[in-house]
Amino acid sequence: MPLDLVIVVDKSDYWQGQLASLLQGVGTLATRLSVGVNFTHIAFVTYAETATLHFNLVRYFQSSQMQSEITRIRQDDSGTATHLVSHSNIQPLLLLQV
């Protein structure tokens, strides 16, 4: 049975100096899961002052592609707008074809 996993990460200045390590952990997690059309689907969202969908549940079916995308994420020097990650704000983004 496939698993849909949505990873949401705060990339605001709260994580100053720690975001790279956090993102590396997310990349490692992706390699340890059986990612594929009939297996695990992963979406990745970051937020600070705005929410950004980096990839949705149907964009990548190989963990190496996800890791490549994750390595391009940079920290924001901004505050955290936690309300941006509410279910109602993110759900419409997850199944869009990106």
Protein backbone atom coordinates (compact mmCIF):
# COMPACT_ATOMS: atom_id res chain seq x y z
CA MET A 1 0.00 0.00 0.00
CA PRO A 2 1.51 3.38 -1.00
CA LEU A 3 2.36 5.96 1.64
CA ASP A 4 1.87 9.69 1.01
CA LEU A 5 4.38 11.65 3.08
CA VAL A 6 4.40 15.45 3.24
CA ILE A 7 7.54 16.96 4.77
CA VAL A 8 7.18 20.56 5.95
CA VAL A 9 10.29 22.45 7.09
CA ASP A 10 10.64 25.90 8.67
CA LYS A 11 13.52 27.58 6.82
CA SER A 12 13.33 30.89 8.66
CA ASP A 13 16.18 32.41 10.64
CA TYR A 14 15.04 30.33 13.63
CA TRP A 15 17.15 27.47 12.25
CA GLN A 16 20.20 29.66 11.59
CA GLY A 17 23.21 27.40 11.09
CA GLN A 18 21.17 24.20 11.39
CA LEU A 19 19.06 24.11 8.23
CA ALA A 20 21.71 22.35 6.11
CA SER A 21 21.89 19.51 8.61
CA LEU A 22 18.11 19.28 8.77
CA LEU A 23 17.83 19.15 4.99
CA GLN A 24 20.54 16.49 4.82
CA GLY A 25 18.45 14.41 7.22
CA VAL A 26 15.40 14.82 4.99
CA GLY A 27 17.47 13.67 2.00
CA THR A 28 18.67 10.64 3.96
CA LEU A 29 15.10 9.80 4.93
CA ALA A 30 14.09 9.85 1.25
CA THR A 31 16.81 7.33 0.40
CA ARG A 32 15.69 4.96 3.15
CA LEU A 33 12.09 4.81 1.97
CA SER A 34 10.87 2.77 -0.97
CA VAL A 35 9.98 5.69 -3.24
CA GLY A 36 8.01 4.93 -6.38
CA VAL A 37 4.68 5.03 -8.16
CA ASN A 38 3.36 2.05 -6.17
CA PHE A 39 5.28 2.79 -2.99
CA THR A 40 6.03 5.99 -1.07
CA HIS A 41 5.15 9.40 -2.53
CA ILE A 42 6.85 12.42 -0.96
CA ALA A 43 5.98 16.12 -1.12
CA PHE A 44 8.28 18.79 0.30
CA VAL A 45 7.23 22.24 1.51
CA THR A 46 9.28 24.94 3.21
CA TYR A 47 8.01 28.07 4.88
CA ALA A 48 9.25 31.24 6.47
CA GLU A 49 7.35 34.40 5.51
CA THR A 50 5.82 32.46 2.60
CA ALA A 51 5.24 28.78 1.90
CA THR A 52 7.01 27.17 -1.04
CA LEU A 53 6.13 23.84 -2.60
CA HIS A 54 9.40 22.34 -3.85
CA PHE A 55 7.80 19.16 -5.15
CA ASN A 56 4.41 17.56 -4.81
CA LEU A 57 3.38 13.95 -4.24
CA VAL A 58 3.52 13.07 -7.93
CA ARG A 59 6.62 14.98 -9.09
CA TYR A 60 9.44 12.57 -8.28
CA PHE A 61 9.50 8.81 -7.96
CA GLN A 62 13.24 8.46 -7.33
CA SER A 63 14.92 9.56 -4.12
CA SER A 64 17.96 10.86 -6.03
CA GLN A 65 15.75 13.41 -7.79
CA MET A 66 14.35 14.55 -4.45
CA GLN A 67 17.81 14.89 -2.93
CA SER A 68 18.93 17.04 -5.85
CA GLU A 69 15.97 19.37 -5.34
CA ILE A 70 16.52 19.54 -1.58
CA THR A 71 20.19 20.55 -1.96
CA ARG A 72 19.11 23.72 -3.78
CA ILE A 73 17.09 25.04 -0.83
CA ARG A 74 18.58 28.06 0.96
CA GLN A 75 17.75 29.59 4.31
CA ASP A 76 15.66 32.74 4.57
CA ASP A 77 16.69 35.57 6.87
CA SER A 78 13.13 36.14 7.91
CA GLY A 79 10.65 35.33 10.61
CA THR A 80 8.33 32.37 10.79
CA ALA A 81 4.71 32.56 9.64
CA THR A 82 3.47 29.29 11.10
CA HIS A 83 -0.08 29.88 9.88
CA LEU A 84 1.17 29.28 6.32
CA VAL A 85 1.52 25.57 6.97
CA SER A 86 -2.05 24.96 7.97
CA HIS A 87 -3.77 22.06 6.25
CA SER A 88 -6.07 24.35 4.28
CA ASN A 89 -3.14 26.35 2.84
CA ILE A 90 -0.98 23.42 1.76
CA GLN A 91 -3.45 20.74 0.69
CA PRO A 92 -4.36 22.36 -2.67
CA LEU A 93 -0.66 22.50 -3.62
CA LEU A 94 0.17 18.87 -3.05
CA LEU A 95 -1.51 17.33 -6.06
CA LEU A 96 -0.80 20.05 -8.59
CA GLN A 97 1.32 18.98 -11.51
CA VAL A 98 4.54 20.91 -11.02
